[in-house]
Amino acid sequence: MEVTRYNKLSLDNIQFDKPENKGTVYYGPMLYDLNPLLLQSSRLKVKEIKEIDKQKYLIIETDTSDFSFYDKLVKLDDHILEKTYQNSEEWFNKELPMDILENMYKRITSPFKKDETPSIQFKIPYHKENIQTKVYNQANEIIDVSTLVPGSTIISMVQVKGLKFLKQIYYCDLFLSQIKLINETVTIKSGHCLIEDAEGTEGVVDDSKTNDGKYDYEILDEEVIQKSKEIEEMELSISERKQIIENEQSKLSKLEEQLQFLK
């Protein structure tokens, strides 16, 4: 699994799986060279964090002189539309006209007026009131999401998961995985960050490269991924053993009841 910088993203390397029925929606995963697509942004500015119907959203702006990340997402939107059109007969057993798809597709990007700075809205994911997005400082240490205030400079990592089709709309399902806050001093916790901030390093000797040609952050990615796998396997093993213990305790209770009855 690798993190792909937005300016290195090759749209032709994105794989679109046929959407399958998932109950109330149809869902088609998207992969990148057969791996999860983790997309790292350019430097962005926090515009605001707003809440709609108890759901929080992070609104970010691009640099006033650099729209390249926004432009890449526009191209991704266009690519998704084109691929949906090309595969509509295979996916839905009928060819859907492009104008209908354009009306159905909810874009990642929104149009902006002349002399304005484009903004992008990302949903902040929560599970049981716990934020799922990890926020880091420049030392790659976890900090609280409340540190993100209007005007903060950040780099984000977004996981592009797939296409979600509802009755009248469809959209690209994105997961705001990590955020790196630039030049802030806050209370820290332990953690690992996959985002590398290499902007503004021209002319500087890069000591982060190892003998095998990999950068430290790439090795860190592999370590984090391996650790996550080990944690998942251990949690599964613990869960299975707990279930076995519960079953045995139930059997023991029944045997004790039988024993008491015989006495």
C-alpha atoms as a PDB file:
ATOM      1  CA  MET A   1       0.000   0.000   0.000  1.00  0.00           C
ATOM      2  CA  GLU A   2       1.410   3.379  -0.996  1.00  0.00           C
ATOM      3  CA  VAL A   3       0.442   7.019  -0.644  1.00  0.00           C
ATOM      4  CA  THR A   4       0.118   8.739  -4.032  1.00  0.00           C
ATOM      5  CA  ARG A   5       0.794  12.441  -4.290  1.00  0.00           C
ATOM      6  CA  TYR A   6      -1.928  14.224  -6.234  1.00  0.00           C
ATOM      7  CA  ASN A   7       0.523  15.452  -8.909  1.00  0.00           C
ATOM      8  CA  LYS A   8       1.725  11.870  -9.490  1.00  0.00           C
ATOM      9  CA  LEU A   9      -1.781  10.412  -9.835  1.00  0.00           C
ATOM     10  CA  SER A  10      -2.353   8.669 -13.170  1.00  0.00           C
ATOM     11  CA  LEU A  11      -6.102   8.485 -13.791  1.00  0.00           C
ATOM     12  CA  ASP A  12      -5.660   5.612 -16.245  1.00  0.00           C
ATOM     13  CA  ASN A  13      -4.283   3.454 -13.414  1.00  0.00           C
ATOM     14  CA  ILE A  14      -7.536   3.624 -11.439  1.00  0.00           C
ATOM     15  CA  GLN A  15      -9.581   0.413 -11.544  1.00  0.00           C
ATOM     16  CA  PHE A  16     -13.383   0.550 -11.283  1.00  0.00           C
ATOM     17  CA  ASP A  17     -15.165  -2.590 -10.050  1.00  0.00           C
ATOM     18  CA  LYS A  18     -18.721  -3.328 -11.125  1.00  0.00           C
ATOM     19  CA  PRO A  19     -21.159  -1.936  -8.538  1.00  0.00           C
ATOM     20  CA  GLU A  20     -22.814  -4.611  -6.408  1.00  0.00           C
ATOM     21  CA  ASN A  21     -26.037  -4.465  -4.401  1.00  0.00           C
ATOM     22  CA  LYS A  22     -25.251  -3.588  -0.776  1.00  0.00           C
ATOM     23  CA  GLY A  23     -28.805  -3.338   0.563  1.00  0.00           C
ATOM     24  CA  THR A  24     -29.983   0.240   0.078  1.00  0.00           C
ATOM     25  CA  VAL A  25     -27.143   1.202  -2.303  1.00  0.00           C
ATOM     26  CA  TYR A  26     -25.013  -0.135  -5.125  1.00  0.00           C
ATOM     27  CA  TYR A  27     -21.315   0.111  -4.400  1.00  0.00           C
ATOM     28  CA  GLY A  28     -18.346  -0.208  -6.750  1.00  0.00           C
ATOM     29  CA  PRO A  29     -14.836  -0.151  -5.197  1.00  0.00           C
ATOM     30  CA  MET A  30     -12.049   1.876  -6.808  1.00  0.00           C
ATOM     31  CA  LEU A  31      -8.423   0.715  -6.637  1.00  0.00           C
ATOM     32  CA  TYR A  32      -5.125   2.134  -7.849  1.00  0.00           C
ATOM     33  CA  ASP A  33      -2.785  -0.404  -9.423  1.00  0.00           C
ATOM     34  CA  LEU A  34      -4.838  -2.998  -7.490  1.00  0.00           C
ATOM     35  CA  ASN A  35      -4.166  -1.219  -4.178  1.00  0.00           C
ATOM     36  CA  PRO A  36      -6.263   1.195  -2.080  1.00  0.00           C
ATOM     37  CA  LEU A  37      -6.045   4.723  -3.507  1.00  0.00           C
ATOM     38  CA  LEU A  38      -4.529   7.003  -0.840  1.00  0.00           C
ATOM     39  CA  LEU A  39      -4.223  10.506  -2.256  1.00  0.00           C
ATOM     40  CA  GLN A  40      -2.020  13.160  -0.645  1.00  0.00           C
ATOM     41  CA  SER A  41      -2.981  16.793  -1.266  1.00  0.00           C
ATOM     42  CA  SER A  42      -0.931  19.938  -1.724  1.00  0.00           C
ATOM     43  CA  ARG A  43      -0.771  22.485   1.077  1.00  0.00           C
ATOM     44  CA  LEU A  44      -4.281  23.748   1.834  1.00  0.00           C
ATOM     45  CA  LYS A  45      -5.912  26.312   4.097  1.00  0.00           C
ATOM     46  CA  VAL A  46      -8.641  25.507   6.605  1.00  0.00           C
ATOM     47  CA  LYS A  47     -11.636  27.703   5.808  1.00  0.00           C
ATOM     48  CA  GLU A  48     -14.004  26.363   8.465  1.00  0.00           C
ATOM     49  CA  ILE A  49     -15.367  23.298  10.216  1.00  0.00           C
ATOM     50  CA  LYS A  50     -19.143  23.286  10.004  1.00  0.00           C
ATOM     51  CA  GLU A  51     -21.824  20.960  11.312  1.00  0.00           C
ATOM     52  CA  ILE A  52     -24.940  19.916   9.398  1.00  0.00           C
ATOM     53  CA  ASP A  53     -27.438  17.516  11.007  1.00  0.00           C
ATOM     54  CA  LYS A  54     -24.831  16.460  13.604  1.00  0.00           C
ATOM     55  CA  GLN A  55     -22.308  15.682  10.852  1.00  0.00           C
ATOM     56  CA  LYS A  56     -19.092  17.732  10.776  1.00  0.00           C
ATOM     57  CA  TYR A  57     -17.408  18.844   7.563  1.00  0.00           C
ATOM     58  CA  LEU A  58     -13.962  20.286   6.932  1.00  0.00           C
ATOM     59  CA  ILE A  59     -13.989  23.087   4.357  1.00  0.00           C
ATOM     60  CA  ILE A  60     -10.563  23.777   2.870  1.00  0.00           C
ATOM     61  CA  GLU A  61      -9.244  26.257   0.319  1.00  0.00           C
ATOM     62  CA  THR A  62      -6.398  25.899  -2.142  1.00  0.00           C
ATOM     63  CA  ASP A  63      -3.504  28.318  -2.260  1.00  0.00           C
ATOM     64  CA  THR A  64      -4.506  31.532  -4.033  1.00  0.00           C
ATOM     65  CA  SER A  65      -1.736  31.000  -6.592  1.00  0.00           C
ATOM     66  CA  ASP A  66      -1.875  27.211  -6.916  1.00  0.00           C
ATOM     67  CA  PHE A  67      -5.084  25.429  -7.942  1.00  0.00           C
ATOM     68  CA  SER A  68      -3.288  22.234  -8.998  1.00  0.00           C
ATOM     69  CA  PHE A  69      -4.842  19.967  -6.348  1.00  0.00           C
ATOM     70  CA  TYR A  70      -8.319  21.295  -7.111  1.00  0.00           C
ATOM     71  CA  ASP A  71      -7.645  20.842 -10.840  1.00  0.00           C
ATOM     72  CA  LYS A  72      -6.612  17.231 -10.253  1.00  0.00           C
ATOM     73  CA  LEU A  73      -9.887  16.559  -8.421  1.00  0.00           C
ATOM     74  CA  VAL A  74     -11.806  18.165 -11.298  1.00  0.00           C
ATOM     75  CA  LYS A  75     -10.045  15.757 -13.660  1.00  0.00           C
ATOM     76  CA  LEU A  76     -10.904  12.887 -11.311  1.00  0.00           C
ATOM     77  CA  ASP A  77     -14.574  13.939 -11.403  1.00  0.00           C
ATOM     78  CA  ASP A  78     -14.499  14.038 -15.207  1.00  0.00           C
ATOM     79  CA  HIS A  79     -12.744  10.664 -15.330  1.00  0.00           C
ATOM     80  CA  ILE A  80     -15.375   9.094 -13.063  1.00  0.00           C
ATOM     81  CA  LEU A  81     -18.155  10.412 -15.308  1.00  0.00           C
ATOM     82  CA  GLU A  82     -16.442   9.083 -18.428  1.00  0.00           C
ATOM     83  CA  LYS A  83     -15.857   5.650 -16.889  1.00  0.00           C
ATOM     84  CA  THR A  84     -19.462   5.452 -15.683  1.00  0.00           C
ATOM     85  CA  TYR A  85     -20.649   6.287 -19.184  1.00  0.00           C
ATOM     86  CA  GLN A  86     -18.336   3.702 -20.789  1.00  0.00           C
ATOM     87  CA  ASN A  87     -19.379   0.960 -18.356  1.00  0.00           C
ATOM     88  CA  SER A  88     -23.056   1.830 -17.929  1.00  0.00           C
ATOM     89  CA  GLU A  89     -24.302  -0.996 -20.155  1.00  0.00           C
ATOM     90  CA  GLU A  90     -22.193  -3.593 -18.320  1.00  0.00           C
ATOM     91  CA  TRP A  91     -23.012  -2.177 -14.890  1.00  0.00           C
ATOM     92  CA  PHE A  92     -26.708  -1.379 -15.338  1.00  0.00           C
ATOM     93  CA  ASN A  93     -27.711  -3.418 -18.427  1.00  0.00           C
ATOM     94  CA  LYS A  94     -28.437  -0.236 -20.369  1.00  0.00           C
ATOM     95  CA  GLU A  95     -26.451   2.617 -21.848  1.00  0.00           C
ATOM     96  CA  LEU A  96     -27.014   5.825 -19.897  1.00  0.00           C
ATOM     97  CA  PRO A  97     -26.626   9.146 -21.748  1.00  0.00           C
ATOM     98  CA  MET A  98     -23.876  11.459 -20.522  1.00  0.00           C
ATOM     99  CA  ASP A  99     -26.285  14.318 -19.786  1.00  0.00           C
ATOM    100  CA  ILE A 100     -28.276  12.083 -17.403  1.00  0.00           C
ATOM    101  CA  LEU A 101     -25.088  10.944 -15.658  1.00  0.00           C
ATOM    102  CA  GLU A 102     -23.917  14.546 -15.295  1.00  0.00           C
ATOM    103  CA  ASN A 103     -27.185  15.399 -13.551  1.00  0.00           C
ATOM    104  CA  MET A 104     -26.906  12.346 -11.297  1.00  0.00           C
ATOM    105  CA  TYR A 105     -23.246  12.677 -10.333  1.00  0.00           C
ATOM    106  CA  LYS A 106     -22.471  14.688  -7.189  1.00  0.00           C
ATOM    107  CA  ARG A 107     -18.999  16.072  -7.836  1.00  0.00           C
ATOM    108  CA  ILE A 108     -16.131  16.205  -5.360  1.00  0.00           C
ATOM    109  CA  THR A 109     -15.434  19.717  -6.625  1.00  0.00           C
ATOM    110  CA  SER A 110     -17.754  22.717  -6.842  1.00  0.00           C
ATOM    111  CA  PRO A 111     -17.601  25.578  -9.393  1.00  0.00           C
ATOM    112  CA  PHE A 112     -16.256  28.896  -8.183  1.00  0.00           C
ATOM    113  CA  LYS A 113     -16.558  32.454  -9.448  1.00  0.00           C
ATOM    114  CA  LYS A 114     -13.833  34.505 -11.064  1.00  0.00           C
ATOM    115  CA  ASP A 115     -11.377  36.041  -8.572  1.00  0.00           C
ATOM    116  CA  GLU A 116     -12.481  33.520  -5.903  1.00  0.00           C
ATOM    117  CA  THR A 117     -10.387  30.727  -4.404  1.00  0.00           C
ATOM    118  CA  PRO A 118     -11.791  27.213  -4.936  1.00  0.00           C
ATOM    119  CA  SER A 119     -12.852  25.326  -1.815  1.00  0.00           C
ATOM    120  CA  ILE A 120     -13.478  21.621  -1.197  1.00  0.00           C
ATOM    121  CA  GLN A 121     -15.685  20.028   1.452  1.00  0.00           C
ATOM    122  CA  PHE A 122     -14.704  16.786   3.170  1.00  0.00           C
ATOM    123  CA  LYS A 123     -16.868  14.885   5.638  1.00  0.00           C
ATOM    124  CA  ILE A 124     -15.115  14.250   8.962  1.00  0.00           C
ATOM    125  CA  PRO A 125     -15.828  10.566   9.735  1.00  0.00           C
ATOM    126  CA  TYR A 126     -16.908   9.506  13.218  1.00  0.00           C
ATOM    127  CA  HIS A 127     -17.623   6.094  14.730  1.00  0.00           C
ATOM    128  CA  LYS A 128     -19.459   6.002  18.059  1.00  0.00           C
ATOM    129  CA  GLU A 129     -18.561   9.671  18.615  1.00  0.00           C
ATOM    130  CA  ASN A 130     -14.854   8.966  18.023  1.00  0.00           C
ATOM    131  CA  ILE A 131     -13.205  10.814  15.131  1.00  0.00           C
ATOM    132  CA  GLN A 132     -11.667   8.424  12.608  1.00  0.00           C
ATOM    133  CA  THR A 133      -9.400  11.004  10.956  1.00  0.00           C
ATOM    134  CA  LYS A 134      -5.955  11.264  12.538  1.00  0.00           C
ATOM    135  CA  VAL A 135      -4.555  14.790  12.896  1.00  0.00           C
ATOM    136  CA  TYR A 136      -0.760  15.234  13.194  1.00  0.00           C
ATOM    137  CA  ASN A 137       1.716  18.048  13.740  1.00  0.00           C
ATOM    138  CA  GLN A 138       4.988  18.395  11.804  1.00  0.00           C
ATOM    139  CA  ALA A 139       6.717  15.992  14.185  1.00  0.00           C
ATOM    140  CA  ASN A 140       4.153  13.334  13.142  1.00  0.00           C
ATOM    141  CA  GLU A 141       2.574  13.333  16.610  1.00  0.00           C
ATOM    142  CA  ILE A 142      -1.198  13.085  17.078  1.00  0.00           C
ATOM    143  CA  ILE A 143      -2.964  16.289  18.062  1.00  0.00           C
ATOM    144  CA  ASP A 144      -6.604  17.161  18.688  1.00  0.00           C
ATOM    145  CA  VAL A 145      -8.874  18.084  15.768  1.00  0.00           C
ATOM    146  CA  SER A 146      -9.857  21.256  17.637  1.00  0.00           C
ATOM    147  CA  THR A 147      -6.420  22.605  16.709  1.00  0.00           C
ATOM    148  CA  LEU A 148      -7.679  23.053  13.132  1.00  0.00           C
ATOM    149  CA  VAL A 149      -8.827  26.666  13.064  1.00  0.00           C
ATOM    150  CA  PRO A 150      -9.600  28.947  10.101  1.00  0.00           C
ATOM    151  CA  GLY A 151      -6.353  29.922   8.415  1.00  0.00           C
ATOM    152  CA  SER A 152      -4.425  26.806   9.471  1.00  0.00           C
ATOM    153  CA  THR A 153      -2.160  25.335   6.813  1.00  0.00           C
ATOM    154  CA  ILE A 154      -2.592  21.598   6.339  1.00  0.00           C
ATOM    155  CA  ILE A 155      -1.796  18.674   4.073  1.00  0.00           C
ATOM    156  CA  SER A 156      -4.460  15.981   3.887  1.00  0.00           C
ATOM    157  CA  MET A 157      -4.542  12.338   2.889  1.00  0.00           C
ATOM    158  CA  VAL A 158      -7.785  11.110   1.401  1.00  0.00           C
ATOM    159  CA  GLN A 159      -8.698   7.496   0.682  1.00  0.00           C
ATOM    160  CA  VAL A 160     -10.742   7.241  -2.508  1.00  0.00           C
ATOM    161  CA  LYS A 161     -12.849   4.182  -1.712  1.00  0.00           C
ATOM    162  CA  GLY A 162     -15.346   3.789  -4.556  1.00  0.00           C
ATOM    163  CA  LEU A 163     -18.585   4.845  -6.239  1.00  0.00           C
ATOM    164  CA  LYS A 164     -21.817   4.789  -4.272  1.00  0.00           C
ATOM    165  CA  PHE A 165     -25.065   4.710  -6.278  1.00  0.00           C
ATOM    166  CA  LEU A 166     -28.372   5.787  -4.737  1.00  0.00           C
ATOM    167  CA  LYS A 167     -31.761   6.075  -6.475  1.00  0.00           C
ATOM    168  CA  GLN A 168     -31.260   9.514  -8.003  1.00  0.00           C
ATOM    169  CA  ILE A 169     -27.602  10.386  -7.389  1.00  0.00           C
ATOM    170  CA  TYR A 170     -24.199   8.786  -7.195  1.00  0.00           C
ATOM    171  CA  TYR A 171     -20.903  10.061  -5.859  1.00  0.00           C
ATOM    172  CA  CYS A 172     -17.291   9.176  -5.109  1.00  0.00           C
ATOM    173  CA  ASP A 173     -17.008   7.817  -1.570  1.00  0.00           C
ATOM    174  CA  LEU A 174     -14.033   9.536   0.090  1.00  0.00           C
ATOM    175  CA  PHE A 175     -12.519   8.944   3.531  1.00  0.00           C
ATOM    176  CA  LEU A 176     -10.516  11.766   5.128  1.00  0.00           C
ATOM    177  CA  SER A 177      -7.837   9.512   6.581  1.00  0.00           C
ATOM    178  CA  GLN A 178      -5.134  11.858   7.867  1.00  0.00           C
ATOM    179  CA  ILE A 179      -4.399  15.570   8.241  1.00  0.00           C
ATOM    180  CA  LYS A 180      -1.006  17.118   8.864  1.00  0.00           C
ATOM    181  CA  LEU A 181      -0.984  20.556  10.487  1.00  0.00           C
ATOM    182  CA  ILE A 182       1.918  22.766   9.462  1.00  0.00           C
ATOM    183  CA  ASN A 183       3.841  25.002  11.905  1.00  0.00           C
ATOM    184  CA  GLU A 184       1.734  24.699  15.058  1.00  0.00           C
ATOM    185  CA  THR A 185       2.693  23.972  18.683  1.00  0.00           C
ATOM    186  CA  VAL A 186       0.113  21.950  20.619  1.00  0.00           C
ATOM    187  CA  THR A 187      -0.283  19.196  23.215  1.00  0.00           C
ATOM    188  CA  ILE A 188       0.708  15.877  21.638  1.00  0.00           C
ATOM    189  CA  LYS A 189      -0.112  12.182  21.815  1.00  0.00           C
ATOM    190  CA  SER A 190       1.662   9.192  20.281  1.00  0.00           C
ATOM    191  CA  GLY A 191       0.944   8.083  16.707  1.00  0.00           C
ATOM    192  CA  HIS A 192       2.209   7.624  13.145  1.00  0.00           C
ATOM    193  CA  CYS A 193       1.661   9.918  10.170  1.00  0.00           C
ATOM    194  CA  LEU A 194       1.895   8.754   6.544  1.00  0.00           C
ATOM    195  CA  ILE A 195       1.935  12.263   5.076  1.00  0.00           C
ATOM    196  CA  GLU A 196       5.276  13.707   4.028  1.00  0.00           C
ATOM    197  CA  ASP A 197       5.688  17.458   3.679  1.00  0.00           C
ATOM    198  CA  ALA A 198       8.410  17.943   1.079  1.00  0.00           C
ATOM    199  CA  GLU A 199       7.398  21.362  -0.179  1.00  0.00           C
ATOM    200  CA  GLY A 200       9.986  24.076   0.011  1.00  0.00           C
ATOM    201  CA  THR A 201      12.950  21.653   0.038  1.00  0.00           C
ATOM    202  CA  GLU A 202      14.559  22.472  -3.298  1.00  0.00           C
ATOM    203  CA  GLY A 203      18.344  22.640  -3.035  1.00  0.00           C
ATOM    204  CA  VAL A 204      18.381  20.815   0.299  1.00  0.00           C
ATOM    205  CA  VAL A 205      20.306  17.555   0.620  1.00  0.00           C
ATOM    206  CA  ASP A 206      17.856  14.705   1.242  1.00  0.00           C
ATOM    207  CA  ASP A 207      19.181  12.566   4.102  1.00  0.00           C
ATOM    208  CA  SER A 208      15.918  10.652   4.450  1.00  0.00           C
ATOM    209  CA  LYS A 209      16.720   8.217   1.645  1.00  0.00           C
ATOM    210  CA  THR A 210      17.946   4.784   2.728  1.00  0.00           C
ATOM    211  CA  ASN A 211      20.414   2.480   0.999  1.00  0.00           C
ATOM    212  CA  ASP A 212      17.647   0.611  -0.825  1.00  0.00           C
ATOM    213  CA  GLY A 213      16.376   3.840  -2.418  1.00  0.00           C
ATOM    214  CA  LYS A 214      13.291   4.159  -0.241  1.00  0.00           C
ATOM    215  CA  TYR A 215      12.410   7.237   1.740  1.00  0.00           C
ATOM    216  CA  ASP A 216      11.866   7.038   5.482  1.00  0.00           C
ATOM    217  CA  TYR A 217       8.175   7.852   5.118  1.00  0.00           C
ATOM    218  CA  GLU A 218       7.727   4.965   2.656  1.00  0.00           C
ATOM    219  CA  ILE A 219       9.283   2.561   5.170  1.00  0.00           C
ATOM    220  CA  LEU A 220       7.060   4.059   7.854  1.00  0.00           C
ATOM    221  CA  ASP A 221       4.036   3.367   5.653  1.00  0.00           C
ATOM    222  CA  GLU A 222       4.967  -0.318   5.464  1.00  0.00           C
ATOM    223  CA  GLU A 223       5.561  -0.498   9.222  1.00  0.00           C
ATOM    224  CA  VAL A 224       2.236   1.158   9.998  1.00  0.00           C
ATOM    225  CA  ILE A 225       0.371  -1.107   7.567  1.00  0.00           C
ATOM    226  CA  GLN A 226       2.021  -4.245   8.998  1.00  0.00           C
ATOM    227  CA  LYS A 227       1.280  -3.106  12.543  1.00  0.00           C
ATOM    228  CA  SER A 228      -2.370  -2.482  11.622  1.00  0.00           C
ATOM    229  CA  LYS A 229      -2.631  -5.992  10.186  1.00  0.00           C
ATOM    230  CA  GLU A 230      -1.117  -7.492  13.343  1.00  0.00           C
ATOM    231  CA  ILE A 231      -3.526  -5.515  15.534  1.00  0.00           C
ATOM    232  CA  GLU A 232      -6.519  -6.657  13.449  1.00  0.00           C
ATOM    233  CA  GLU A 233      -5.386 -10.296  13.623  1.00  0.00           C
ATOM    234  CA  MET A 234      -4.824 -10.058  17.378  1.00  0.00           C
ATOM    235  CA  GLU A 235      -8.220  -8.401  17.957  1.00  0.00           C
ATOM    236  CA  LEU A 236      -9.881 -11.146  15.898  1.00  0.00           C
ATOM    237  CA  SER A 237      -8.064 -13.835  17.891  1.00  0.00           C
ATOM    238  CA  ILE A 238      -9.098 -12.209  21.187  1.00  0.00           C
ATOM    239  CA  SER A 239     -12.704 -11.979  20.014  1.00  0.00           C
ATOM    240  CA  GLU A 240     -12.738 -15.652  19.002  1.00  0.00           C
ATOM    241  CA  ARG A 241     -11.223 -16.725  22.323  1.00  0.00           C
ATOM    242  CA  LYS A 242     -13.720 -14.613  24.266  1.00  0.00           C
ATOM    243  CA  GLN A 243     -16.520 -16.353  22.386  1.00  0.00           C
ATOM    244  CA  ILE A 244     -15.063 -19.760  23.243  1.00  0.00           C
ATOM    245  CA  ILE A 245     -14.781 -18.770  26.922  1.00  0.00           C
ATOM    246  CA  GLU A 246     -18.374 -17.515  26.955  1.00  0.00           C
ATOM    247  CA  ASN A 247     -19.590 -20.781  25.426  1.00  0.00           C
ATOM    248  CA  GLU A 248     -17.634 -22.825  27.969  1.00  0.00           C
ATOM    249  CA  GLN A 249     -18.954 -20.691  30.822  1.00  0.00           C
ATOM    250  CA  SER A 250     -22.480 -21.295  29.579  1.00  0.00           C
ATOM    251  CA  LYS A 251     -21.865 -25.060  29.518  1.00  0.00           C
ATOM    252  CA  LEU A 252     -20.357 -24.884  33.003  1.00  0.00           C
ATOM    253  CA  SER A 253     -23.380 -23.019  34.345  1.00  0.00           C
ATOM    254  CA  LYS A 254     -25.715 -25.668  32.932  1.00  0.00           C
ATOM    255  CA  LEU A 255     -23.642 -28.457  34.469  1.00  0.00           C
ATOM    256  CA  GLU A 256     -23.702 -26.709  37.850  1.00  0.00           C
ATOM    257  CA  GLU A 257     -27.497 -26.378  37.621  1.00  0.00           C
ATOM    258  CA  GLN A 258     -27.804 -30.074  36.819  1.00  0.00           C
ATOM    259  CA  LEU A 259     -25.534 -30.913  39.744  1.00  0.00           C
ATOM    260  CA  GLN A 260     -27.607 -28.848  42.129  1.00  0.00           C
ATOM    261  CA  PHE A 261     -30.774 -30.543  40.850  1.00  0.00           C
ATOM    262  CA  LEU A 262     -29.282 -34.005  41.461  1.00  0.00           C
ATOM    263  CA  LYS A 263     -28.306 -33.060  44.997  1.00  0.00           C
END
